[in-house]
């Protein structure tokens, strides 16, 4: 398991009834340590789409609360239950020895790359 990197993509649920969502960031788990990579630019877009109260909740979750996850089990719980503001993809696992993949690579490829914006 030392070479495994687990990750989950963080989404803002724009219109849950049609499953429209915006990828905000990625959570990585490596050796039971959680790292959060998120797009400040996409959070700015979320601010335009939600009420101030909803934006504050989403922003707080992404910027602060996810960094304080107590365990991988808590993240697994979050991937199953969302509040129609924010959701998470199921946790995926990558064998890092097979590719040059890390959290920053996942962020650039799944969330935001300045080169393609």
PDB file of N, CA and C in Angstrom:
ATOM      1  N   UNK A   1       0.806  -1.209   0.000  1.00  0.00           N
ATOM      2  CA  UNK A   1       0.000   0.000   0.000  1.00  0.00           C
ATOM      3  C   UNK A   1       0.851   1.277   0.000  1.00  0.00           C
ATOM      4  N   UNK A   2       2.192   1.143   0.199  1.00  0.00           N
ATOM      5  CA  UNK A   2       3.033   2.322   0.262  1.00  0.00           C
ATOM      6  C   UNK A   2       3.036   3.107  -1.037  1.00  0.00           C
ATOM      7  N   UNK A   3       2.885   2.442  -2.160  1.00  0.00           N
ATOM      8  CA  UNK A   3       2.912   3.114  -3.451  1.00  0.00           C
ATOM      9  C   UNK A   3       1.540   3.556  -3.932  1.00  0.00           C
ATOM     10  N   UNK A   4       0.521   3.395  -3.103  1.00  0.00           N
ATOM     11  CA  UNK A   4      -0.821   3.771  -3.525  1.00  0.00           C
ATOM     12  C   UNK A   4      -1.141   5.206  -3.139  1.00  0.00           C
ATOM     13  N   UNK A   5      -1.800   5.860  -4.042  1.00  0.00           N
ATOM     14  CA  UNK A   5      -2.326   7.198  -3.806  1.00  0.00           C
ATOM     15  C   UNK A   5      -3.833   7.104  -4.021  1.00  0.00           C
ATOM     16  N   UNK A   6      -4.594   7.469  -3.018  1.00  0.00           N
ATOM     17  CA  UNK A   6      -6.044   7.478  -3.153  1.00  0.00           C
ATOM     18  C   UNK A   6      -6.496   8.917  -3.357  1.00  0.00           C
ATOM     19  N   UNK A   7      -7.577   9.078  -4.096  1.00  0.00           N
ATOM     20  CA  UNK A   7      -8.077  10.430  -4.330  1.00  0.00           C
ATOM     21  C   UNK A   7      -9.582  10.437  -4.524  1.00  0.00           C
ATOM     22  N   UNK A   8     -10.134  11.623  -4.309  1.00  0.00           N
ATOM     23  CA  UNK A   8     -11.551  11.868  -4.540  1.00  0.00           C
ATOM     24  C   UNK A   8     -11.679  13.285  -5.078  1.00  0.00           C
ATOM     25  N   UNK A   9     -12.504  13.470  -6.088  1.00  0.00           N
ATOM     26  CA  UNK A   9     -12.705  14.794  -6.673  1.00  0.00           C
ATOM     27  C   UNK A   9     -13.830  15.494  -5.916  1.00  0.00           C
ATOM     28  N   UNK A  10     -13.623  16.761  -5.615  1.00  0.00           N
ATOM     29  CA  UNK A  10     -14.592  17.583  -4.886  1.00  0.00           C
ATOM     30  C   UNK A  10     -15.402  18.368  -5.913  1.00  0.00           C
ATOM     31  N   UNK A  11     -16.723  18.292  -5.803  1.00  0.00           N
ATOM     32  CA  UNK A  11     -17.611  18.981  -6.741  1.00  0.00           C
ATOM     33  C   UNK A  11     -18.557  19.931  -6.021  1.00  0.00           C
ATOM     34  N   UNK A  12     -18.869  21.043  -6.667  1.00  0.00           N
ATOM     35  CA  UNK A  12     -19.994  21.882  -6.259  1.00  0.00           C
ATOM     36  C   UNK A  12     -21.173  21.401  -7.089  1.00  0.00           C
ATOM     37  N   UNK A  13     -22.258  21.060  -6.429  1.00  0.00           N
ATOM     38  CA  UNK A  13     -23.444  20.580  -7.139  1.00  0.00           C
ATOM     39  C   UNK A  13     -24.262  21.782  -7.590  1.00  0.00           C
ATOM     40  N   UNK A  14     -24.146  22.112  -8.861  1.00  0.00           N
ATOM     41  CA  UNK A  14     -24.797  23.300  -9.416  1.00  0.00           C
ATOM     42  C   UNK A  14     -26.310  23.092  -9.519  1.00  0.00           C
ATOM     43  N   UNK A  15     -26.697  22.018 -10.175  1.00  0.00           N
ATOM     44  CA  UNK A  15     -28.120  21.664 -10.316  1.00  0.00           C
ATOM     45  C   UNK A  15     -28.249  20.162 -10.074  1.00  0.00           C
ATOM     46  N   UNK A  16     -28.431  19.782  -8.799  1.00  0.00           N
ATOM     47  CA  UNK A  16     -28.439  18.354  -8.446  1.00  0.00           C
ATOM     48  C   UNK A  16     -29.491  17.540  -9.190  1.00  0.00           C
ATOM     49  N   UNK A  17     -30.603  18.163  -9.537  1.00  0.00           N
ATOM     50  CA  UNK A  17     -31.684  17.417 -10.191  1.00  0.00           C
ATOM     51  C   UNK A  17     -31.277  16.875 -11.555  1.00  0.00           C
ATOM     52  N   UNK A  18     -30.289  17.498 -12.190  1.00  0.00           N
ATOM     53  CA  UNK A  18     -29.798  16.982 -13.470  1.00  0.00           C
ATOM     54  C   UNK A  18     -28.313  16.598 -13.377  1.00  0.00           C
ATOM     55  N   UNK A  19     -27.824  16.521 -12.153  1.00  0.00           N
ATOM     56  CA  UNK A  19     -26.436  16.101 -11.877  1.00  0.00           C
ATOM     57  C   UNK A  19     -25.399  17.024 -12.527  1.00  0.00           C
ATOM     58  N   UNK A  20     -25.725  18.305 -12.631  1.00  0.00           N
ATOM     59  CA  UNK A  20     -24.765  19.281 -13.138  1.00  0.00           C
ATOM     60  C   UNK A  20     -23.866  19.708 -11.983  1.00  0.00           C
ATOM     61  N   UNK A  21     -22.555  19.642 -12.214  1.00  0.00           N
ATOM     62  CA  UNK A  21     -21.630  19.975 -11.138  1.00  0.00           C
ATOM     63  C   UNK A  21     -20.336  20.549 -11.695  1.00  0.00           C
ATOM     64  N   UNK A  22     -19.600  21.194 -10.810  1.00  0.00           N
ATOM     65  CA  UNK A  22     -18.355  21.859 -11.166  1.00  0.00           C
ATOM     66  C   UNK A  22     -17.247  21.286 -10.282  1.00  0.00           C
ATOM     67  N   UNK A  23     -16.183  20.792 -10.893  1.00  0.00           N
ATOM     68  CA  UNK A  23     -15.076  20.251 -10.098  1.00  0.00           C
ATOM     69  C   UNK A  23     -14.321  21.410  -9.451  1.00  0.00           C
ATOM     70  N   UNK A  24     -14.210  21.355  -8.118  1.00  0.00           N
ATOM     71  CA  UNK A  24     -13.550  22.420  -7.364  1.00  0.00           C
ATOM     72  C   UNK A  24     -12.143  22.049  -6.930  1.00  0.00           C
ATOM     73  N   UNK A  25     -11.943  20.761  -6.702  1.00  0.00           N
ATOM     74  CA  UNK A  25     -10.646  20.359  -6.181  1.00  0.00           C
ATOM     75  C   UNK A  25     -10.520  18.857  -6.117  1.00  0.00           C
ATOM     76  N   UNK A  26      -9.425  18.435  -5.527  1.00  0.00           N
ATOM     77  CA  UNK A  26      -9.168  17.008  -5.360  1.00  0.00           C
ATOM     78  C   UNK A  26      -8.568  16.794  -3.973  1.00  0.00           C
ATOM     79  N   UNK A  27      -9.015  15.740  -3.342  1.00  0.00           N
ATOM     80  CA  UNK A  27      -8.469  15.291  -2.058  1.00  0.00           C
ATOM     81  C   UNK A  27      -7.566  14.114  -2.331  1.00  0.00           C
ATOM     82  N   UNK A  28      -6.383  14.102  -1.766  1.00  0.00           N
ATOM     83  CA  UNK A  28      -5.522  12.938  -1.913  1.00  0.00           C
ATOM     84  C   UNK A  28      -5.254  12.350  -0.534  1.00  0.00           C
ATOM     85  N   UNK A  29      -5.108  11.055  -0.517  1.00  0.00           N
ATOM     86  CA  UNK A  29      -4.811  10.338   0.721  1.00  0.00           C
ATOM     87  C   UNK A  29      -3.599   9.462   0.451  1.00  0.00           C
ATOM     88  N   UNK A  30      -2.569   9.718   1.208  1.00  0.00           N
ATOM     89  CA  UNK A  30      -1.352   8.940   1.061  1.00  0.00           C
ATOM     90  C   UNK A  30      -0.797   8.679   2.452  1.00  0.00           C
ATOM     91  N   UNK A  31      -0.651   7.418   2.791  1.00  0.00           N
ATOM     92  CA  UNK A  31      -0.185   7.007   4.115  1.00  0.00           C
ATOM     93  C   UNK A  31      -1.027   7.651   5.214  1.00  0.00           C
ATOM     94  N   UNK A  32      -2.353   7.637   5.012  1.00  0.00           N
ATOM     95  CA  UNK A  32      -3.349   8.182   5.949  1.00  0.00           C
ATOM     96  C   UNK A  32      -3.238   9.688   6.167  1.00  0.00           C
ATOM     97  N   UNK A  33      -2.568  10.402   5.273  1.00  0.00           N
ATOM     98  CA  UNK A  33      -2.495  11.856   5.337  1.00  0.00           C
ATOM     99  C   UNK A  33      -3.334  12.425   4.206  1.00  0.00           C
ATOM    100  N   UNK A  34      -4.198  13.364   4.554  1.00  0.00           N
ATOM    101  CA  UNK A  34      -5.101  13.968   3.578  1.00  0.00           C
ATOM    102  C   UNK A  34      -4.543  15.317   3.139  1.00  0.00           C
ATOM    103  N   UNK A  35      -4.512  15.543   1.831  1.00  0.00           N
ATOM    104  CA  UNK A  35      -4.151  16.841   1.265  1.00  0.00           C
ATOM    105  C   UNK A  35      -5.313  17.304   0.395  1.00  0.00           C
ATOM    106  N   UNK A  36      -5.533  18.605   0.390  1.00  0.00           N
ATOM    107  CA  UNK A  36      -6.602  19.187  -0.408  1.00  0.00           C
ATOM    108  C   UNK A  36      -5.996  20.162  -1.407  1.00  0.00           C
ATOM    109  N   UNK A  37      -6.338  19.983  -2.669  1.00  0.00           N
ATOM    110  CA  UNK A  37      -5.953  20.904  -3.740  1.00  0.00           C
ATOM    111  C   UNK A  37      -7.257  21.467  -4.294  1.00  0.00           C
ATOM    112  N   UNK A  38      -7.405  22.786  -4.320  1.00  0.00           N
ATOM    113  CA  UNK A  38      -8.642  23.362  -4.855  1.00  0.00           C
ATOM    114  C   UNK A  38      -8.337  24.591  -5.697  1.00  0.00           C
ATOM    115  N   UNK A  39      -9.295  24.926  -6.546  1.00  0.00           N
ATOM    116  CA  UNK A  39      -9.146  26.048  -7.460  1.00  0.00           C
ATOM    117  C   UNK A  39      -9.809  27.298  -6.880  1.00  0.00           C
ATOM    118  N   UNK A  40      -8.999  28.298  -6.592  1.00  0.00           N
ATOM    119  CA  UNK A  40      -9.514  29.571  -6.108  1.00  0.00           C
ATOM    120  C   UNK A  40     -10.400  30.217  -7.177  1.00  0.00           C
ATOM    121  N   UNK A  41     -10.006  30.051  -8.434  1.00  0.00           N
ATOM    122  CA  UNK A  41     -10.771  30.632  -9.543  1.00  0.00           C
ATOM    123  C   UNK A  41     -12.176  30.010  -9.628  1.00  0.00           C
ATOM    124  N   UNK A  42     -12.252  28.690  -9.466  1.00  0.00           N
ATOM    125  CA  UNK A  42     -13.560  28.028  -9.528  1.00  0.00           C
ATOM    126  C   UNK A  42     -14.408  28.360  -8.304  1.00  0.00           C
ATOM    127  N   UNK A  43     -13.774  28.575  -7.144  1.00  0.00           N
ATOM    128  CA  UNK A  43     -14.545  29.027  -5.980  1.00  0.00           C
ATOM    129  C   UNK A  43     -15.142  30.401  -6.244  1.00  0.00           C
ATOM    130  N   UNK A  44     -14.427  31.231  -7.003  1.00  0.00           N
ATOM    131  CA  UNK A  44     -14.962  32.537  -7.388  1.00  0.00           C
ATOM    132  C   UNK A  44     -16.198  32.400  -8.267  1.00  0.00           C
ATOM    133  N   UNK A  45     -16.209  31.403  -9.125  1.00  0.00           N
ATOM    134  CA  UNK A  45     -17.383  31.139  -9.967  1.00  0.00           C
ATOM    135  C   UNK A  45     -18.545  30.668  -9.101  1.00  0.00           C
ATOM    136  N   UNK A  46     -18.244  29.809  -8.137  1.00  0.00           N
ATOM    137  CA  UNK A  46     -19.284  29.315  -7.228  1.00  0.00           C
ATOM    138  C   UNK A  46     -19.929  30.479  -6.485  1.00  0.00           C
ATOM    139  N   UNK A  47     -19.130  31.474  -6.140  1.00  0.00           N
ATOM    140  CA  UNK A  47     -19.656  32.650  -5.423  1.00  0.00           C
ATOM    141  C   UNK A  47     -20.735  33.363  -6.236  1.00  0.00           C
ATOM    142  N   UNK A  48     -20.598  33.309  -7.564  1.00  0.00           N
ATOM    143  CA  UNK A  48     -21.588  33.950  -8.442  1.00  0.00           C
ATOM    144  C   UNK A  48     -22.862  33.110  -8.592  1.00  0.00           C
ATOM    145  N   UNK A  49     -22.767  31.811  -8.373  1.00  0.00           N
ATOM    146  CA  UNK A  49     -23.885  30.902  -8.620  1.00  0.00           C
ATOM    147  C   UNK A  49     -24.746  30.607  -7.387  1.00  0.00           C
ATOM    148  N   UNK A  50     -24.209  30.839  -6.207  1.00  0.00           N
ATOM    149  CA  UNK A  50     -24.907  30.482  -4.974  1.00  0.00           C
ATOM    150  C   UNK A  50     -25.219  31.723  -4.148  1.00  0.00           C
ATOM    151  N   UNK A  51     -26.109  31.553  -3.180  1.00  0.00           N
ATOM    152  CA  UNK A  51     -26.383  32.633  -2.230  1.00  0.00           C
ATOM    153  C   UNK A  51     -25.144  32.820  -1.357  1.00  0.00           C
ATOM    154  N   UNK A  52     -25.001  33.979  -0.732  1.00  0.00           N
ATOM    155  CA  UNK A  52     -23.838  34.174   0.148  1.00  0.00           C
ATOM    156  C   UNK A  52     -23.733  33.109   1.247  1.00  0.00           C
ATOM    157  N   UNK A  53     -24.833  32.691   1.795  1.00  0.00           N
ATOM    158  CA  UNK A  53     -24.822  31.669   2.857  1.00  0.00           C
ATOM    159  C   UNK A  53     -24.340  30.318   2.311  1.00  0.00           C
ATOM    160  N   UNK A  54     -24.832  29.945   1.132  1.00  0.00           N
ATOM    161  CA  UNK A  54     -24.411  28.676   0.521  1.00  0.00           C
ATOM    162  C   UNK A  54     -22.933  28.727   0.132  1.00  0.00           C
ATOM    163  N   UNK A  55     -22.511  29.850  -0.433  1.00  0.00           N
ATOM    164  CA  UNK A  55     -21.097  29.999  -0.803  1.00  0.00           C
ATOM    165  C   UNK A  55     -20.203  29.886   0.421  1.00  0.00           C
ATOM    166  N   UNK A  56     -20.603  30.524   1.497  1.00  0.00           N
ATOM    167  CA  UNK A  56     -19.807  30.472   2.726  1.00  0.00           C
ATOM    168  C   UNK A  56     -19.654  29.030   3.212  1.00  0.00           C
ATOM    169  N   UNK A  57     -20.720  28.247   3.129  1.00  0.00           N
ATOM    170  CA  UNK A  57     -20.671  26.845   3.554  1.00  0.00           C
ATOM    171  C   UNK A  57     -19.722  26.045   2.663  1.00  0.00           C
ATOM    172  N   UNK A  58     -19.867  26.193   1.352  1.00  0.00           N
ATOM    173  CA  UNK A  58     -19.004  25.467   0.409  1.00  0.00           C
ATOM    174  C   UNK A  58     -17.544  25.871   0.604  1.00  0.00           C
ATOM    175  N   UNK A  59     -17.300  27.160   0.676  1.00  0.00           N
ATOM    176  CA  UNK A  59     -15.951  27.670   0.832  1.00  0.00           C
ATOM    177  C   UNK A  59     -15.310  27.164   2.127  1.00  0.00           C
ATOM    178  N   UNK A  60     -16.061  27.159   3.190  1.00  0.00           N
ATOM    179  CA  UNK A  60     -15.553  26.687   4.474  1.00  0.00           C
ATOM    180  C   UNK A  60     -15.190  25.206   4.425  1.00  0.00           C
ATOM    181  N   UNK A  61     -16.036  24.427   3.778  1.00  0.00           N
ATOM    182  CA  UNK A  61     -15.765  22.989   3.656  1.00  0.00           C
ATOM    183  C   UNK A  61     -14.480  22.763   2.871  1.00  0.00           C
ATOM    184  N   UNK A  62     -14.363  23.426   1.728  1.00  0.00           N
ATOM    185  CA  UNK A  62     -13.204  23.205   0.848  1.00  0.00           C
ATOM    186  C   UNK A  62     -11.917  23.766   1.451  1.00  0.00           C
ATOM    187  N   UNK A  63     -11.973  24.960   1.992  1.00  0.00           N
ATOM    188  CA  UNK A  63     -10.755  25.619   2.480  1.00  0.00           C
ATOM    189  C   UNK A  63     -10.302  25.138   3.850  1.00  0.00           C
ATOM    190  N   UNK A  64     -11.243  24.747   4.710  1.00  0.00           N
ATOM    191  CA  UNK A  64     -10.857  24.451   6.083  1.00  0.00           C
ATOM    192  C   UNK A  64     -11.224  23.038   6.538  1.00  0.00           C
ATOM    193  N   UNK A  65     -12.494  22.696   6.469  1.00  0.00           N
ATOM    194  CA  UNK A  65     -12.971  21.474   7.096  1.00  0.00           C
ATOM    195  C   UNK A  65     -12.369  20.207   6.499  1.00  0.00           C
ATOM    196  N   UNK A  66     -12.155  20.169   5.204  1.00  0.00           N
ATOM    197  CA  UNK A  66     -11.584  18.975   4.586  1.00  0.00           C
ATOM    198  C   UNK A  66     -10.144  18.742   5.042  1.00  0.00           C
ATOM    199  N   UNK A  67      -9.443  19.794   5.360  1.00  0.00           N
ATOM    200  CA  UNK A  67      -8.059  19.657   5.846  1.00  0.00           C
ATOM    201  C   UNK A  67      -8.012  19.021   7.234  1.00  0.00           C
ATOM    202  N   UNK A  68      -9.142  19.026   7.920  1.00  0.00           N
ATOM    203  CA  UNK A  68      -9.196  18.513   9.283  1.00  0.00           C
ATOM    204  C   UNK A  68      -9.912  17.160   9.370  1.00  0.00           C
ATOM    205  N   UNK A  69      -9.990  16.459   8.262  1.00  0.00           N
ATOM    206  CA  UNK A  69     -10.632  15.147   8.280  1.00  0.00           C
ATOM    207  C   UNK A  69      -9.953  14.242   9.292  1.00  0.00           C
ATOM    208  N   UNK A  70     -10.766  13.599  10.101  1.00  0.00           N
ATOM    209  CA  UNK A  70     -10.226  12.744  11.158  1.00  0.00           C
ATOM    210  C   UNK A  70      -9.695  11.424  10.609  1.00  0.00           C
ATOM    211  N   UNK A  71     -10.319  10.938   9.526  1.00  0.00           N
ATOM    212  CA  UNK A  71      -9.903   9.631   9.017  1.00  0.00           C
ATOM    213  C   UNK A  71     -10.362   9.448   7.577  1.00  0.00           C
ATOM    214  N   UNK A  72      -9.826   8.434   6.972  1.00  0.00           N
ATOM    215  CA  UNK A  72     -10.249   8.057   5.631  1.00  0.00           C
ATOM    216  C   UNK A  72     -11.708   7.609   5.670  1.00  0.00           C
ATOM    217  N   UNK A  73     -12.132   7.029   6.769  1.00  0.00           N
ATOM    218  CA  UNK A  73     -13.531   6.594   6.921  1.00  0.00           C
ATOM    219  C   UNK A  73     -14.482   7.787   6.838  1.00  0.00           C
ATOM    220  N   UNK A  74     -14.068   8.927   7.389  1.00  0.00           N
ATOM    221  CA  UNK A  74     -14.895  10.137   7.304  1.00  0.00           C
ATOM    222  C   UNK A  74     -15.063  10.549   5.845  1.00  0.00           C
ATOM    223  N   UNK A  75     -13.989  10.478   5.078  1.00  0.00           N
ATOM    224  CA  UNK A  75     -14.070  10.806   3.658  1.00  0.00           C
ATOM    225  C   UNK A  75     -14.986   9.826   2.930  1.00  0.00           C
ATOM    226  N   UNK A  76     -14.882   8.559   3.254  1.00  0.00           N
ATOM    227  CA  UNK A  76     -15.763   7.563   2.634  1.00  0.00           C
ATOM    228  C   UNK A  76     -17.227   7.880   2.937  1.00  0.00           C
ATOM    229  N   UNK A  77     -17.487   8.327   4.146  1.00  0.00           N
ATOM    230  CA  UNK A  77     -18.846   8.730   4.518  1.00  0.00           C
ATOM    231  C   UNK A  77     -19.289   9.915   3.653  1.00  0.00           C
ATOM    232  N   UNK A  78     -18.420  10.902   3.497  1.00  0.00           N
ATOM    233  CA  UNK A  78     -18.763  12.080   2.707  1.00  0.00           C
ATOM    234  C   UNK A  78     -19.021  11.740   1.245  1.00  0.00           C
ATOM    235  N   UNK A  79     -18.341  10.723   0.712  1.00  0.00           N
ATOM    236  CA  UNK A  79     -18.566  10.363  -0.687  1.00  0.00           C
ATOM    237  C   UNK A  79     -19.939   9.737  -0.894  1.00  0.00           C
ATOM    238  N   UNK A  80     -20.518   9.209   0.187  1.00  0.00           N
ATOM    239  CA  UNK A  80     -21.847   8.590   0.074  1.00  0.00           C
ATOM    240  C   UNK A  80     -22.982   9.579   0.325  1.00  0.00           C
ATOM    241  N   UNK A  81     -22.729  10.574   1.156  1.00  0.00           N
ATOM    242  CA  UNK A  81     -23.798  11.485   1.567  1.00  0.00           C
ATOM    243  C   UNK A  81     -23.391  12.919   1.302  1.00  0.00           C
ATOM    244  N   UNK A  82     -24.152  13.588   0.462  1.00  0.00           N
ATOM    245  CA  UNK A  82     -23.875  15.001   0.202  1.00  0.00           C
ATOM    246  C   UNK A  82     -25.083  15.821   0.608  1.00  0.00           C
ATOM    247  N   UNK A  83     -24.903  17.097   0.683  1.00  0.00           N
ATOM    248  CA  UNK A  83     -25.981  17.988   1.102  1.00  0.00           C
ATOM    249  C   UNK A  83     -26.529  18.808  -0.062  1.00  0.00           C
ATOM    250  N   UNK A  84     -26.334  18.346  -1.270  1.00  0.00           N
ATOM    251  CA  UNK A  84     -26.778  19.030  -2.489  1.00  0.00           C
ATOM    252  C   UNK A  84     -26.065  20.355  -2.721  1.00  0.00           C
ATOM    253  N   UNK A  85     -25.007  20.616  -1.974  1.00  0.00           N
ATOM    254  CA  UNK A  85     -24.152  21.764  -2.257  1.00  0.00           C
ATOM    255  C   UNK A  85     -22.789  21.293  -2.730  1.00  0.00           C
ATOM    256  N   UNK A  86     -22.312  20.258  -2.092  1.00  0.00           N
ATOM    257  CA  UNK A  86     -20.980  19.747  -2.392  1.00  0.00           C
ATOM    258  C   UNK A  86     -21.037  18.226  -2.379  1.00  0.00           C
ATOM    259  N   UNK A  87     -20.271  17.610  -3.265  1.00  0.00           N
ATOM    260  CA  UNK A  87     -20.224  16.148  -3.301  1.00  0.00           C
ATOM    261  C   UNK A  87     -18.810  15.703  -3.648  1.00  0.00           C
ATOM    262  N   UNK A  88     -18.599  14.405  -3.524  1.00  0.00           N
ATOM    263  CA  UNK A  88     -17.281  13.831  -3.730  1.00  0.00           C
ATOM    264  C   UNK A  88     -17.402  12.599  -4.602  1.00  0.00           C
ATOM    265  N   UNK A  89     -16.429  12.396  -5.458  1.00  0.00           N
ATOM    266  CA  UNK A  89     -16.419  11.171  -6.253  1.00  0.00           C
ATOM    267  C   UNK A  89     -16.045  10.008  -5.336  1.00  0.00           C
ATOM    268  N   UNK A  90     -16.410   8.794  -5.735  1.00  0.00           N
ATOM    269  CA  UNK A  90     -15.945   7.642  -4.965  1.00  0.00           C
ATOM    270  C   UNK A  90     -14.410   7.644  -4.909  1.00  0.00           C
ATOM    271  N   UNK A  91     -13.862   7.158  -3.833  1.00  0.00           N
ATOM    272  CA  UNK A  91     -12.412   7.118  -3.665  1.00  0.00           C
ATOM    273  C   UNK A  91     -11.806   6.137  -4.667  1.00  0.00           C
ATOM    274  N   UNK A  92     -10.816   6.634  -5.410  1.00  0.00           N
ATOM    275  CA  UNK A  92     -10.087   5.830  -6.385  1.00  0.00           C
ATOM    276  C   UNK A  92      -8.663   5.618  -5.864  1.00  0.00           C
ATOM    277  N   UNK A  93      -8.030   4.571  -6.337  1.00  0.00           N
ATOM    278  CA  UNK A  93      -6.669   4.277  -5.916  1.00  0.00           C
ATOM    279  C   UNK A  93      -5.785   4.122  -7.144  1.00  0.00           C
ATOM    280  N   UNK A  94      -4.583   4.697  -7.064  1.00  0.00           N
ATOM    281  CA  UNK A  94      -3.614   4.631  -8.153  1.00  0.00           C
ATOM    282  C   UNK A  94      -2.320   4.067  -7.591  1.00  0.00           C
ATOM    283  N   UNK A  95      -1.718   3.147  -8.317  1.00  0.00           N
ATOM    284  CA  UNK A  95      -0.407   2.635  -7.945  1.00  0.00           C
ATOM    285  C   UNK A  95       0.623   3.614  -8.501  1.00  0.00           C
ATOM    286  N   UNK A  96       1.237   4.372  -7.636  1.00  0.00           N
ATOM    287  CA  UNK A  96       2.187   5.402  -8.073  1.00  0.00           C
ATOM    288  C   UNK A  96       3.434   4.833  -8.732  1.00  0.00           C
ATOM    289  N   UNK A  97       3.760   3.588  -8.463  1.00  0.00           N
ATOM    290  CA  UNK A  97       4.960   3.017  -9.080  1.00  0.00           C
ATOM    291  C   UNK A  97       4.776   2.790 -10.579  1.00  0.00           C
ATOM    292  N   UNK A  98       3.528   2.792 -11.052  1.00  0.00           N
ATOM    293  CA  UNK A  98       3.237   2.576 -12.471  1.00  0.00           C
ATOM    294  C   UNK A  98       3.252   3.866 -13.281  1.00  0.00           C
ATOM    295  N   UNK A  99       3.190   5.005 -12.614  1.00  0.00           N
ATOM    296  CA  UNK A  99       3.132   6.279 -13.340  1.00  0.00           C
ATOM    297  C   UNK A  99       3.667   7.394 -12.448  1.00  0.00           C
ATOM    298  N   UNK A 100       3.976   8.497 -13.039  1.00  0.00           N
ATOM    299  CA  UNK A 100       4.462   9.655 -12.299  1.00  0.00           C
ATOM    300  C   UNK A 100       3.264  10.522 -11.903  1.00  0.00           C
ATOM    301  N   UNK A 101       2.478  10.019 -10.970  1.00  0.00           N
ATOM    302  CA  UNK A 101       1.238  10.680 -10.582  1.00  0.00           C
ATOM    303  C   UNK A 101       1.338  11.112  -9.128  1.00  0.00           C
ATOM    304  N   UNK A 102       0.912  12.353  -8.873  1.00  0.00           N
ATOM    305  CA  UNK A 102       0.812  12.853  -7.506  1.00  0.00           C
ATOM    306  C   UNK A 102      -0.408  13.766  -7.422  1.00  0.00           C
ATOM    307  N   UNK A 103      -0.617  14.386  -6.281  1.00  0.00           N
ATOM    308  CA  UNK A 103      -1.788  15.234  -6.093  1.00  0.00           C
ATOM    309  C   UNK A 103      -1.847  16.400  -7.061  1.00  0.00           C
ATOM    310  N   UNK A 104      -0.711  17.008  -7.334  1.00  0.00           N
ATOM    311  CA  UNK A 104      -0.686  18.135  -8.265  1.00  0.00           C
ATOM    312  C   UNK A 104      -1.048  17.692  -9.683  1.00  0.00           C
ATOM    313  N   UNK A 105      -0.590  16.524 -10.089  1.00  0.00           N
ATOM    314  CA  UNK A 105      -0.943  15.987 -11.400  1.00  0.00           C
ATOM    315  C   UNK A 105      -2.456  15.754 -11.484  1.00  0.00           C
ATOM    316  N   UNK A 106      -3.020  15.167 -10.443  1.00  0.00           N
ATOM    317  CA  UNK A 106      -4.463  14.931 -10.415  1.00  0.00           C
ATOM    318  C   UNK A 106      -5.224  16.256 -10.514  1.00  0.00           C
ATOM    319  N   UNK A 107      -4.780  17.254  -9.772  1.00  0.00           N
ATOM    320  CA  UNK A 107      -5.418  18.570  -9.793  1.00  0.00           C
ATOM    321  C   UNK A 107      -5.381  19.163 -11.200  1.00  0.00           C
ATOM    322  N   UNK A 108      -4.200  19.164 -11.810  1.00  0.00           N
ATOM    323  CA  UNK A 108      -4.065  19.740 -13.163  1.00  0.00           C
ATOM    324  C   UNK A 108      -4.925  19.006 -14.189  1.00  0.00           C
ATOM    325  N   UNK A 109      -5.066  17.693 -14.058  1.00  0.00           N
ATOM    326  CA  UNK A 109      -5.790  16.917 -15.059  1.00  0.00           C
ATOM    327  C   UNK A 109      -7.288  16.802 -14.801  1.00  0.00           C
ATOM    328  N   UNK A 110      -7.715  16.896 -13.562  1.00  0.00           N
ATOM    329  CA  UNK A 110      -9.139  16.701 -13.247  1.00  0.00           C
ATOM    330  C   UNK A 110      -9.859  17.960 -12.797  1.00  0.00           C
ATOM    331  N   UNK A 111      -9.108  18.984 -12.392  1.00  0.00           N
ATOM    332  CA  UNK A 111      -9.771  20.172 -11.848  1.00  0.00           C
ATOM    333  C   UNK A 111      -9.447  21.422 -12.650  1.00  0.00           C
ATOM    334  N   UNK A 112      -8.167  21.787 -12.692  1.00  0.00           N
ATOM    335  CA  UNK A 112      -7.830  23.061 -13.312  1.00  0.00           C
ATOM    336  C   UNK A 112      -6.385  23.095 -13.765  1.00  0.00           C
ATOM    337  N   UNK A 113      -6.187  23.519 -14.974  1.00  0.00           N
ATOM    338  CA  UNK A 113      -4.850  23.737 -15.493  1.00  0.00           C
ATOM    339  C   UNK A 113      -4.826  25.112 -16.137  1.00  0.00           C
ATOM    340  N   UNK A 114      -3.977  25.985 -15.643  1.00  0.00           N
ATOM    341  CA  UNK A 114      -3.888  27.341 -16.174  1.00  0.00           C
ATOM    342  C   UNK A 114      -3.537  27.339 -17.668  1.00  0.00           C
ATOM    343  N   UNK A 115      -2.832  26.304 -18.101  1.00  0.00           N
ATOM    344  CA  UNK A 115      -2.424  26.234 -19.505  1.00  0.00           C
ATOM    345  C   UNK A 115      -3.609  26.023 -20.441  1.00  0.00           C
ATOM    346  N   UNK A 116      -4.698  25.433 -19.933  1.00  0.00           N
ATOM    347  CA  UNK A 116      -5.856  25.171 -20.799  1.00  0.00           C
ATOM    348  C   UNK A 116      -6.983  26.155 -20.552  1.00  0.00           C
ATOM    349  N   UNK A 117      -6.813  27.083 -19.653  1.00  0.00           N
ATOM    350  CA  UNK A 117      -7.895  28.025 -19.329  1.00  0.00           C
ATOM    351  C   UNK A 117      -7.939  29.184 -20.272  1.00  0.00           C
TER     352      UNK A 117
END
